[in-house]
Amino acid sequence: MDAENILSQVCEILEEILDDRSVPRNIRKTAEDVKSILVGKDRAMRVRVNEAINRLDDISNDPNLPEHTRTDI
């Protein structure tokens, strides 16, 4: 699989999180930010991926995160 296909799959999962109203707003906001980071072309892919991973790691430790969303992340 190439990087663009993987990026597309990640964006689909993030979109599902954004559409899930059982997910707290702060988590959806971070998912939206991560999606924007990943699709942006202003920085190198590895820099965007690293920032996205760091933000997702931060929210994965949130106690308000539903388990099904934690699994997606």
C-alpha atoms as a PDB file:
ATOM      1  CA  MET A   1       0.000   0.000   0.000  1.00  0.00           C
ATOM      2  CA  ASP A   2       1.267   3.433  -0.790  1.00  0.00           C
ATOM      3  CA  ALA A   3       1.172   6.435   1.518  1.00  0.00           C
ATOM      4  CA  GLU A   4      -1.762   8.081  -0.252  1.00  0.00           C
ATOM      5  CA  ASN A   5      -3.997   5.021   0.219  1.00  0.00           C
ATOM      6  CA  ILE A   6      -3.103   4.815   3.892  1.00  0.00           C
ATOM      7  CA  LEU A   7      -3.739   8.530   4.307  1.00  0.00           C
ATOM      8  CA  SER A   8      -7.124   8.108   2.643  1.00  0.00           C
ATOM      9  CA  GLN A   9      -8.071   5.291   5.036  1.00  0.00           C
ATOM     10  CA  VAL A  10      -6.982   7.326   8.057  1.00  0.00           C
ATOM     11  CA  CYS A  11      -9.071  10.275   6.878  1.00  0.00           C
ATOM     12  CA  GLU A  12     -12.104   7.992   6.503  1.00  0.00           C
ATOM     13  CA  ILE A  13     -11.717   6.812  10.103  1.00  0.00           C
ATOM     14  CA  LEU A  14     -11.320  10.388  11.303  1.00  0.00           C
ATOM     15  CA  GLU A  15     -14.465  11.333   9.372  1.00  0.00           C
ATOM     16  CA  GLU A  16     -16.374   8.549  11.153  1.00  0.00           C
ATOM     17  CA  ILE A  17     -15.203   9.960  14.492  1.00  0.00           C
ATOM     18  CA  LEU A  18     -16.324  13.435  13.435  1.00  0.00           C
ATOM     19  CA  ASP A  19     -19.794  12.138  12.554  1.00  0.00           C
ATOM     20  CA  ASP A  20     -20.212  10.194  15.819  1.00  0.00           C
ATOM     21  CA  ARG A  21     -22.196  12.369  18.248  1.00  0.00           C
ATOM     22  CA  SER A  22     -21.353  10.057  21.166  1.00  0.00           C
ATOM     23  CA  VAL A  23     -17.766  11.319  20.955  1.00  0.00           C
ATOM     24  CA  PRO A  24     -17.093  14.417  23.099  1.00  0.00           C
ATOM     25  CA  ARG A  25     -16.631  17.706  21.275  1.00  0.00           C
ATOM     26  CA  ASN A  26     -12.991  18.143  22.285  1.00  0.00           C
ATOM     27  CA  ILE A  27     -12.153  14.737  20.797  1.00  0.00           C
ATOM     28  CA  ARG A  28     -14.032  15.544  17.572  1.00  0.00           C
ATOM     29  CA  LYS A  29     -12.217  18.892  17.389  1.00  0.00           C
ATOM     30  CA  THR A  30      -8.847  17.173  17.713  1.00  0.00           C
ATOM     31  CA  ALA A  31      -9.851  14.618  15.069  1.00  0.00           C
ATOM     32  CA  GLU A  32     -10.794  17.481  12.766  1.00  0.00           C
ATOM     33  CA  ASP A  33      -7.447  19.179  13.424  1.00  0.00           C
ATOM     34  CA  VAL A  34      -5.571  15.937  12.751  1.00  0.00           C
ATOM     35  CA  LYS A  35      -7.411  15.452   9.476  1.00  0.00           C
ATOM     36  CA  SER A  36      -6.515  19.009   8.430  1.00  0.00           C
ATOM     37  CA  ILE A  37      -2.895  18.419   9.330  1.00  0.00           C
ATOM     38  CA  LEU A  38      -2.734  15.222   7.314  1.00  0.00           C
ATOM     39  CA  VAL A  39      -4.336  16.585   4.143  1.00  0.00           C
ATOM     40  CA  GLY A  40      -2.352  19.841   4.243  1.00  0.00           C
ATOM     41  CA  LYS A  41       0.465  20.075   1.758  1.00  0.00           C
ATOM     42  CA  ASP A  42       2.387  22.833   3.538  1.00  0.00           C
ATOM     43  CA  ARG A  43       4.891  20.489   5.227  1.00  0.00           C
ATOM     44  CA  ALA A  44       6.624  17.215   4.482  1.00  0.00           C
ATOM     45  CA  MET A  45       4.542  14.063   4.941  1.00  0.00           C
ATOM     46  CA  ARG A  46       6.676  12.739   7.800  1.00  0.00           C
ATOM     47  CA  VAL A  47       6.286  16.006   9.742  1.00  0.00           C
ATOM     48  CA  ARG A  48       2.500  15.948   9.274  1.00  0.00           C
ATOM     49  CA  VAL A  49       2.276  12.298  10.298  1.00  0.00           C
ATOM     50  CA  ASN A  50       4.427  12.874  13.378  1.00  0.00           C
ATOM     51  CA  GLU A  51       2.253  15.782  14.530  1.00  0.00           C
ATOM     52  CA  ALA A  52      -0.920  13.767  13.874  1.00  0.00           C
ATOM     53  CA  ILE A  53       0.402  10.825  15.893  1.00  0.00           C
ATOM     54  CA  ASN A  54       1.299  13.112  18.800  1.00  0.00           C
ATOM     55  CA  ARG A  55      -2.174  14.659  18.880  1.00  0.00           C
ATOM     56  CA  LEU A  56      -3.913  11.300  18.595  1.00  0.00           C
ATOM     57  CA  ASP A  57      -1.735   9.957  21.398  1.00  0.00           C
ATOM     58  CA  ASP A  58      -2.831  12.854  23.602  1.00  0.00           C
ATOM     59  CA  ILE A  59      -6.529  12.199  23.098  1.00  0.00           C
ATOM     60  CA  SER A  60      -6.169   8.429  23.374  1.00  0.00           C
ATOM     61  CA  ASN A  61      -5.474   8.956  27.077  1.00  0.00           C
ATOM     62  CA  ASP A  62      -8.597  11.058  27.628  1.00  0.00           C
ATOM     63  CA  PRO A  63     -10.865   9.309  30.170  1.00  0.00           C
ATOM     64  CA  ASN A  64     -13.976  10.618  28.362  1.00  0.00           C
ATOM     65  CA  LEU A  65     -13.040   8.872  25.137  1.00  0.00           C
ATOM     66  CA  PRO A  66     -15.566   6.131  24.265  1.00  0.00           C
ATOM     67  CA  GLU A  67     -13.986   2.683  23.945  1.00  0.00           C
ATOM     68  CA  HIS A  68     -15.089   2.197  20.335  1.00  0.00           C
ATOM     69  CA  THR A  69     -13.374   5.465  19.417  1.00  0.00           C
ATOM     70  CA  ARG A  70     -10.255   4.533  21.383  1.00  0.00           C
ATOM     71  CA  THR A  71     -10.056   1.389  19.260  1.00  0.00           C
ATOM     72  CA  ASP A  72     -10.322   3.448  16.060  1.00  0.00           C
ATOM     73  CA  ILE A  73      -7.582   5.784  17.196  1.00  0.00           C
END
